[in-house]
Amino acid sequence: MHRIILLLIFSFGISLSIISGQTTTPFQTWSVVELGYDLGKIDLESNYQLRHSYEEQALLERHFGEIGISYKVLKELKVGSVLRIGKDRRKDEFNPFNRIAIYSQYAHDVSRLTLKYKVQWQHQTKTVKEEDRITDKLRIKVTSEYNIRKWKFDPVFAVEYFIANPRMTGYAGEKFRCTLGTEREIVKNLVIKGAYRMEFGTAADVTNLAIAQLELSYSF
């Protein structure tokens, strides 16, 4: 079974490489440092992220910090909220923004496969030339993780769909996001995570994007 999973992962990576090469998809790297604290039914998380683009040269496109809290309603179900504050680039200027998100997530196991279903609503306000620009989005995400026997780099695959408020963006469906990743515990409670992500726009004014992400996470 694990050979089939590895073959699918390899095929997925090759397909994404071909797509990127044919469409000259813009490329970004996301760097994340995260801290987590487990209080039983309540989890606290905070992180800081840097996002760079690499079209002609390396440019910092966005940086922000997040604070989140989640509550385990049941063993399989949790709800939570995340506050994000930072700045992003528009041409040669950085504009401040903030985002609040509320989500619910249900997870269950099927043999050695873990499935997670997440629904998130988010509200973002960005200030550009003293004008507030507001965007509401609904995100639907399905994540699968397969536990391979005697293998420390278990694959994680996720598909996510973003639905934006059409009164604010001019279209309903914004983009799909596909992610393939893995993680490994370096020492106790310290985990390194890596992922390759593709975003596919569903409207003419939304471009595709390729993303490589590296994350260092520590939990107490």
C-alpha atoms as a PDB file:
ATOM      1  CA  MET A   1       0.000   0.000   0.000  1.00  0.00           C
ATOM      2  CA  HIS A   2       2.757   2.454   0.918  1.00  0.00           C
ATOM      3  CA  ARG A   3       4.383   1.891  -2.494  1.00  0.00           C
ATOM      4  CA  ILE A   4       1.159   3.023  -4.151  1.00  0.00           C
ATOM      5  CA  ILE A   5       1.075   6.127  -1.956  1.00  0.00           C
ATOM      6  CA  LEU A   6       4.686   6.974  -2.819  1.00  0.00           C
ATOM      7  CA  LEU A   7       3.968   6.480  -6.540  1.00  0.00           C
ATOM      8  CA  LEU A   8       1.017   8.859  -6.325  1.00  0.00           C
ATOM      9  CA  ILE A   9       3.176  11.442  -4.542  1.00  0.00           C
ATOM     10  CA  PHE A  10       5.879  11.145  -7.213  1.00  0.00           C
ATOM     11  CA  SER A  11       3.307  11.492 -10.012  1.00  0.00           C
ATOM     12  CA  PHE A  12       1.772  14.532  -8.324  1.00  0.00           C
ATOM     13  CA  GLY A  13       5.175  16.222  -8.036  1.00  0.00           C
ATOM     14  CA  ILE A  14       6.002  15.580 -11.694  1.00  0.00           C
ATOM     15  CA  SER A  15       2.605  16.940 -12.781  1.00  0.00           C
ATOM     16  CA  LEU A  16       3.074  20.137 -10.792  1.00  0.00           C
ATOM     17  CA  SER A  17       6.548  20.592 -12.270  1.00  0.00           C
ATOM     18  CA  ILE A  18       5.187  20.254 -15.806  1.00  0.00           C
ATOM     19  CA  ILE A  19       2.370  22.713 -15.102  1.00  0.00           C
ATOM     20  CA  SER A  20       4.799  25.236 -13.635  1.00  0.00           C
ATOM     21  CA  GLY A  21       7.164  24.908 -16.576  1.00  0.00           C
ATOM     22  CA  GLN A  22       4.448  25.319 -19.203  1.00  0.00           C
ATOM     23  CA  THR A  23       2.730  28.312 -17.646  1.00  0.00           C
ATOM     24  CA  THR A  24       5.764  30.106 -16.131  1.00  0.00           C
ATOM     25  CA  THR A  25       3.868  30.180 -12.854  1.00  0.00           C
ATOM     26  CA  PRO A  26       5.087  32.803 -10.341  1.00  0.00           C
ATOM     27  CA  PHE A  27       6.976  31.253  -7.417  1.00  0.00           C
ATOM     28  CA  GLN A  28       7.018  32.102  -3.716  1.00  0.00           C
ATOM     29  CA  THR A  29       8.608  30.756  -0.542  1.00  0.00           C
ATOM     30  CA  TRP A  30       6.831  30.843   2.809  1.00  0.00           C
ATOM     31  CA  SER A  31       8.944  30.649   5.985  1.00  0.00           C
ATOM     32  CA  VAL A  32       7.135  29.945   9.266  1.00  0.00           C
ATOM     33  CA  VAL A  33       8.149  29.744  12.930  1.00  0.00           C
ATOM     34  CA  GLU A  34       5.395  28.474  15.227  1.00  0.00           C
ATOM     35  CA  LEU A  35       4.888  27.937  18.954  1.00  0.00           C
ATOM     36  CA  GLY A  36       2.074  25.875  20.439  1.00  0.00           C
ATOM     37  CA  TYR A  37       0.803  25.242  23.958  1.00  0.00           C
ATOM     38  CA  ASP A  38      -1.545  22.366  24.867  1.00  0.00           C
ATOM     39  CA  LEU A  39      -3.946  22.968  27.776  1.00  0.00           C
ATOM     40  CA  GLY A  40      -5.970  19.795  27.386  1.00  0.00           C
ATOM     41  CA  LYS A  41      -9.133  20.780  25.556  1.00  0.00           C
ATOM     42  CA  ILE A  42      -7.698  24.200  24.709  1.00  0.00           C
ATOM     43  CA  ASP A  43      -4.755  24.765  22.342  1.00  0.00           C
ATOM     44  CA  LEU A  44      -2.899  28.062  21.989  1.00  0.00           C
ATOM     45  CA  GLU A  45      -0.767  28.827  18.923  1.00  0.00           C
ATOM     46  CA  SER A  46       1.288  31.729  17.636  1.00  0.00           C
ATOM     47  CA  ASN A  47       3.479  32.080  14.558  1.00  0.00           C
ATOM     48  CA  TYR A  48       5.404  34.532  12.435  1.00  0.00           C
ATOM     49  CA  GLN A  49       5.632  34.244   8.642  1.00  0.00           C
ATOM     50  CA  LEU A  50       7.710  35.713   5.831  1.00  0.00           C
ATOM     51  CA  ARG A  51       6.572  35.353   2.200  1.00  0.00           C
ATOM     52  CA  HIS A  52       9.025  36.095  -0.618  1.00  0.00           C
ATOM     53  CA  SER A  53       8.421  36.165  -4.381  1.00  0.00           C
ATOM     54  CA  TYR A  54      11.034  35.306  -7.041  1.00  0.00           C
ATOM     55  CA  GLU A  55      10.041  36.744 -10.408  1.00  0.00           C
ATOM     56  CA  GLU A  56      13.038  38.933 -11.287  1.00  0.00           C
ATOM     57  CA  GLN A  57      14.571  39.136  -7.829  1.00  0.00           C
ATOM     58  CA  ALA A  58      13.787  38.013  -4.290  1.00  0.00           C
ATOM     59  CA  LEU A  59      11.244  40.408  -2.773  1.00  0.00           C
ATOM     60  CA  LEU A  60       9.474  40.287   0.556  1.00  0.00           C
ATOM     61  CA  GLU A  61       5.776  40.319  -0.375  1.00  0.00           C
ATOM     62  CA  ARG A  62       4.129  39.844   3.007  1.00  0.00           C
ATOM     63  CA  HIS A  63       5.035  39.413   6.674  1.00  0.00           C
ATOM     64  CA  PHE A  64       2.667  38.897   9.593  1.00  0.00           C
ATOM     65  CA  GLY A  65       2.122  37.391  12.995  1.00  0.00           C
ATOM     66  CA  GLU A  66      -0.768  35.199  14.126  1.00  0.00           C
ATOM     67  CA  ILE A  67      -2.332  34.300  17.461  1.00  0.00           C
ATOM     68  CA  GLY A  68      -4.863  31.476  17.614  1.00  0.00           C
ATOM     69  CA  ILE A  69      -6.942  29.509  20.084  1.00  0.00           C
ATOM     70  CA  SER A  70      -8.945  26.310  19.577  1.00  0.00           C
ATOM     71  CA  TYR A  71     -11.281  24.252  21.750  1.00  0.00           C
ATOM     72  CA  LYS A  72     -11.928  20.506  21.476  1.00  0.00           C
ATOM     73  CA  VAL A  73     -15.697  20.124  21.574  1.00  0.00           C
ATOM     74  CA  LEU A  74     -15.376  16.369  21.023  1.00  0.00           C
ATOM     75  CA  LYS A  75     -12.438  14.056  20.421  1.00  0.00           C
ATOM     76  CA  GLU A  76     -12.890  14.483  16.647  1.00  0.00           C
ATOM     77  CA  LEU A  77     -14.294  18.036  16.547  1.00  0.00           C
ATOM     78  CA  LYS A  78     -12.687  21.357  17.417  1.00  0.00           C
ATOM     79  CA  VAL A  79     -13.505  25.012  16.844  1.00  0.00           C
ATOM     80  CA  GLY A  80     -11.136  27.948  16.870  1.00  0.00           C
ATOM     81  CA  SER A  81     -10.244  31.488  15.934  1.00  0.00           C
ATOM     82  CA  VAL A  82      -7.081  33.118  14.544  1.00  0.00           C
ATOM     83  CA  LEU A  83      -6.051  36.782  14.477  1.00  0.00           C
ATOM     84  CA  ARG A  84      -3.478  37.859  11.869  1.00  0.00           C
ATOM     85  CA  ILE A  85      -1.733  41.265  11.810  1.00  0.00           C
ATOM     86  CA  GLY A  86       0.926  42.299   9.297  1.00  0.00           C
ATOM     87  CA  LYS A  87       1.848  44.145   6.115  1.00  0.00           C
ATOM     88  CA  ASP A  88       1.886  43.242   2.424  1.00  0.00           C
ATOM     89  CA  ARG A  89       3.452  44.811  -0.643  1.00  0.00           C
ATOM     90  CA  ARG A  90       1.600  46.787  -3.282  1.00  0.00           C
ATOM     91  CA  LYS A  91       4.163  47.865  -5.876  1.00  0.00           C
ATOM     92  CA  ASP A  92       6.886  49.569  -3.800  1.00  0.00           C
ATOM     93  CA  GLU A  93       4.862  50.190  -0.663  1.00  0.00           C
ATOM     94  CA  PHE A  94       3.812  48.012   2.256  1.00  0.00           C
ATOM     95  CA  ASN A  95       0.228  48.336   3.471  1.00  0.00           C
ATOM     96  CA  PRO A  96      -1.002  47.225   6.907  1.00  0.00           C
ATOM     97  CA  PHE A  97      -3.720  44.599   7.147  1.00  0.00           C
ATOM     98  CA  ASN A  98      -5.475  42.513   9.767  1.00  0.00           C
ATOM     99  CA  ARG A  99      -7.556  39.363   9.503  1.00  0.00           C
ATOM    100  CA  ILE A 100      -9.814  37.498  11.875  1.00  0.00           C
ATOM    101  CA  ALA A 101     -10.818  33.909  11.114  1.00  0.00           C
ATOM    102  CA  ILE A 102     -13.274  31.487  12.739  1.00  0.00           C
ATOM    103  CA  TYR A 103     -13.208  27.787  11.878  1.00  0.00           C
ATOM    104  CA  SER A 104     -14.411  24.312  12.749  1.00  0.00           C
ATOM    105  CA  GLN A 105     -12.552  21.080  11.980  1.00  0.00           C
ATOM    106  CA  TYR A 106     -13.619  17.437  12.117  1.00  0.00           C
ATOM    107  CA  ALA A 107     -11.048  14.620  11.986  1.00  0.00           C
ATOM    108  CA  HIS A 108     -11.306  10.839  11.930  1.00  0.00           C
ATOM    109  CA  ASP A 109      -9.162   7.806  11.108  1.00  0.00           C
ATOM    110  CA  VAL A 110      -9.729   5.179   8.436  1.00  0.00           C
ATOM    111  CA  SER A 111      -7.206   2.423   9.114  1.00  0.00           C
ATOM    112  CA  ARG A 112      -3.794   4.176   8.730  1.00  0.00           C
ATOM    113  CA  LEU A 113      -5.319   7.196   6.991  1.00  0.00           C
ATOM    114  CA  THR A 114      -6.306  10.353   8.883  1.00  0.00           C
ATOM    115  CA  LEU A 115      -8.888  12.643   7.258  1.00  0.00           C
ATOM    116  CA  LYS A 116      -9.634  16.223   8.331  1.00  0.00           C
ATOM    117  CA  TYR A 117     -12.450  18.482   7.126  1.00  0.00           C
ATOM    118  CA  LYS A 118     -12.193  22.196   7.847  1.00  0.00           C
ATOM    119  CA  VAL A 119     -14.567  25.100   7.190  1.00  0.00           C
ATOM    120  CA  GLN A 120     -13.267  28.618   7.832  1.00  0.00           C
ATOM    121  CA  TRP A 121     -14.741  32.094   7.500  1.00  0.00           C
ATOM    122  CA  GLN A 122     -12.356  35.048   7.477  1.00  0.00           C
ATOM    123  CA  HIS A 123     -12.696  38.829   7.435  1.00  0.00           C
ATOM    124  CA  GLN A 124      -9.738  40.944   6.274  1.00  0.00           C
ATOM    125  CA  THR A 125      -9.226  44.703   6.308  1.00  0.00           C
ATOM    126  CA  LYS A 126      -6.311  46.271   4.415  1.00  0.00           C
ATOM    127  CA  THR A 127      -5.455  49.963   4.402  1.00  0.00           C
ATOM    128  CA  VAL A 128      -4.253  51.340   1.044  1.00  0.00           C
ATOM    129  CA  LYS A 129      -3.674  55.093   0.788  1.00  0.00           C
ATOM    130  CA  GLU A 130      -5.809  55.679   3.883  1.00  0.00           C
ATOM    131  CA  GLU A 131      -8.674  53.677   2.354  1.00  0.00           C
ATOM    132  CA  ASP A 132      -9.907  50.480   4.019  1.00  0.00           C
ATOM    133  CA  ARG A 133     -10.449  47.522   1.701  1.00  0.00           C
ATOM    134  CA  ILE A 134     -12.514  44.709   3.182  1.00  0.00           C
ATOM    135  CA  THR A 135     -12.678  41.117   1.951  1.00  0.00           C
ATOM    136  CA  ASP A 136     -14.752  38.233   3.316  1.00  0.00           C
ATOM    137  CA  LYS A 137     -13.917  34.657   2.323  1.00  0.00           C
ATOM    138  CA  LEU A 138     -15.160  31.155   3.033  1.00  0.00           C
ATOM    139  CA  ARG A 139     -12.555  28.365   2.856  1.00  0.00           C
ATOM    140  CA  ILE A 140     -13.320  24.646   2.603  1.00  0.00           C
ATOM    141  CA  LYS A 141     -10.387  22.284   3.139  1.00  0.00           C
ATOM    142  CA  VAL A 142      -9.910  18.493   3.100  1.00  0.00           C
ATOM    143  CA  THR A 143      -6.612  17.065   4.393  1.00  0.00           C
ATOM    144  CA  SER A 144      -5.405  13.467   4.306  1.00  0.00           C
ATOM    145  CA  GLU A 145      -2.360  12.020   6.088  1.00  0.00           C
ATOM    146  CA  TYR A 146      -1.192   8.441   5.608  1.00  0.00           C
ATOM    147  CA  ASN A 147       0.845   6.700   8.310  1.00  0.00           C
ATOM    148  CA  ILE A 148       3.411   4.521   6.506  1.00  0.00           C
ATOM    149  CA  ARG A 149       4.899   1.707   8.585  1.00  0.00           C
ATOM    150  CA  LYS A 150       8.573   2.186   9.515  1.00  0.00           C
ATOM    151  CA  TRP A 151       8.676   5.500   7.632  1.00  0.00           C
ATOM    152  CA  LYS A 152       9.327   8.834   9.362  1.00  0.00           C
ATOM    153  CA  PHE A 153       8.151  11.140   6.565  1.00  0.00           C
ATOM    154  CA  ASP A 154       4.423  10.440   6.302  1.00  0.00           C
ATOM    155  CA  PRO A 155       2.800  12.210   3.317  1.00  0.00           C
ATOM    156  CA  VAL A 156       0.131  14.872   3.807  1.00  0.00           C
ATOM    157  CA  PHE A 157      -2.116  15.953   0.926  1.00  0.00           C
ATOM    158  CA  ALA A 158      -4.694  18.742   1.107  1.00  0.00           C
ATOM    159  CA  VAL A 159      -7.175  20.391  -1.255  1.00  0.00           C
ATOM    160  CA  GLU A 160      -8.738  23.760  -0.390  1.00  0.00           C
ATOM    161  CA  TYR A 161     -11.294  25.970  -2.118  1.00  0.00           C
ATOM    162  CA  PHE A 162     -11.635  29.714  -1.485  1.00  0.00           C
ATOM    163  CA  ILE A 163     -15.001  31.412  -2.001  1.00  0.00           C
ATOM    164  CA  ALA A 164     -14.939  35.215  -1.880  1.00  0.00           C
ATOM    165  CA  ASN A 165     -17.816  37.643  -1.361  1.00  0.00           C
ATOM    166  CA  PRO A 166     -18.829  38.543  -4.969  1.00  0.00           C
ATOM    167  CA  ARG A 167     -19.897  42.070  -3.946  1.00  0.00           C
ATOM    168  CA  MET A 168     -16.287  42.779  -2.943  1.00  0.00           C
ATOM    169  CA  THR A 169     -14.282  40.886  -5.552  1.00  0.00           C
ATOM    170  CA  GLY A 170     -16.524  40.663  -8.610  1.00  0.00           C
ATOM    171  CA  TYR A 171     -16.536  36.833  -8.736  1.00  0.00           C
ATOM    172  CA  ALA A 172     -17.626  34.011  -6.473  1.00  0.00           C
ATOM    173  CA  GLY A 173     -14.920  31.375  -6.816  1.00  0.00           C
ATOM    174  CA  GLU A 174     -11.429  32.712  -6.198  1.00  0.00           C
ATOM    175  CA  LYS A 175      -9.005  29.773  -6.248  1.00  0.00           C
ATOM    176  CA  PHE A 176      -8.151  26.160  -5.511  1.00  0.00           C
ATOM    177  CA  ARG A 177      -5.094  25.301  -3.430  1.00  0.00           C
ATOM    178  CA  CYS A 178      -3.406  21.874  -3.550  1.00  0.00           C
ATOM    179  CA  THR A 179      -0.700  21.028  -1.011  1.00  0.00           C
ATOM    180  CA  LEU A 180       1.670  18.071  -0.704  1.00  0.00           C
ATOM    181  CA  GLY A 181       3.868  17.957   2.379  1.00  0.00           C
ATOM    182  CA  THR A 182       5.506  15.991   5.145  1.00  0.00           C
ATOM    183  CA  GLU A 183       6.925  16.551   8.617  1.00  0.00           C
ATOM    184  CA  ARG A 184       9.407  15.046  11.054  1.00  0.00           C
ATOM    185  CA  GLU A 185      10.159  15.491  14.745  1.00  0.00           C
ATOM    186  CA  ILE A 186      13.811  16.533  15.100  1.00  0.00           C
ATOM    187  CA  VAL A 187      13.922  16.355  18.901  1.00  0.00           C
ATOM    188  CA  LYS A 188      11.096  16.057  21.421  1.00  0.00           C
ATOM    189  CA  ASN A 189       8.335  18.599  20.610  1.00  0.00           C
ATOM    190  CA  LEU A 190      10.387  20.261  17.848  1.00  0.00           C
ATOM    191  CA  VAL A 191       8.996  19.484  14.373  1.00  0.00           C
ATOM    192  CA  ILE A 192      10.170  20.551  10.931  1.00  0.00           C
ATOM    193  CA  LYS A 193       7.564  20.655   8.149  1.00  0.00           C
ATOM    194  CA  GLY A 194       7.971  21.004   4.402  1.00  0.00           C
ATOM    195  CA  ALA A 195       5.351  21.432   1.677  1.00  0.00           C
ATOM    196  CA  TYR A 196       4.907  22.221  -2.007  1.00  0.00           C
ATOM    197  CA  ARG A 197       1.728  24.070  -2.891  1.00  0.00           C
ATOM    198  CA  MET A 198      -0.044  25.091  -6.095  1.00  0.00           C
ATOM    199  CA  GLU A 199      -2.816  27.660  -6.365  1.00  0.00           C
ATOM    200  CA  PHE A 200      -5.127  27.719  -9.382  1.00  0.00           C
ATOM    201  CA  GLY A 201      -7.228  30.825  -9.997  1.00  0.00           C
ATOM    202  CA  THR A 202     -10.823  30.383 -11.148  1.00  0.00           C
ATOM    203  CA  ALA A 203     -11.190  33.879 -12.659  1.00  0.00           C
ATOM    204  CA  ALA A 204      -9.364  35.763 -15.398  1.00  0.00           C
ATOM    205  CA  ASP A 205      -7.800  38.266 -13.000  1.00  0.00           C
ATOM    206  CA  VAL A 206      -6.449  35.630 -10.580  1.00  0.00           C
ATOM    207  CA  THR A 207      -3.090  34.100 -11.560  1.00  0.00           C
ATOM    208  CA  ASN A 208      -1.718  30.683 -10.650  1.00  0.00           C
ATOM    209  CA  LEU A 209       1.008  30.459  -8.009  1.00  0.00           C
ATOM    210  CA  ALA A 210       3.607  27.870  -6.932  1.00  0.00           C
ATOM    211  CA  ILE A 211       4.759  27.892  -3.307  1.00  0.00           C
ATOM    212  CA  ALA A 212       7.463  26.098  -1.320  1.00  0.00           C
ATOM    213  CA  GLN A 213       6.936  26.249   2.444  1.00  0.00           C
ATOM    214  CA  LEU A 214       9.311  25.457   5.314  1.00  0.00           C
ATOM    215  CA  GLU A 215       8.061  25.538   8.905  1.00  0.00           C
ATOM    216  CA  LEU A 216       9.690  25.032  12.288  1.00  0.00           C
ATOM    217  CA  SER A 217       7.211  24.237  15.067  1.00  0.00           C
ATOM    218  CA  TYR A 218       7.699  23.782  18.801  1.00  0.00           C
ATOM    219  CA  SER A 219       4.988  22.743  21.265  1.00  0.00           C
ATOM    220  CA  PHE A 220       4.899  22.887  25.035  1.00  0.00           C
END
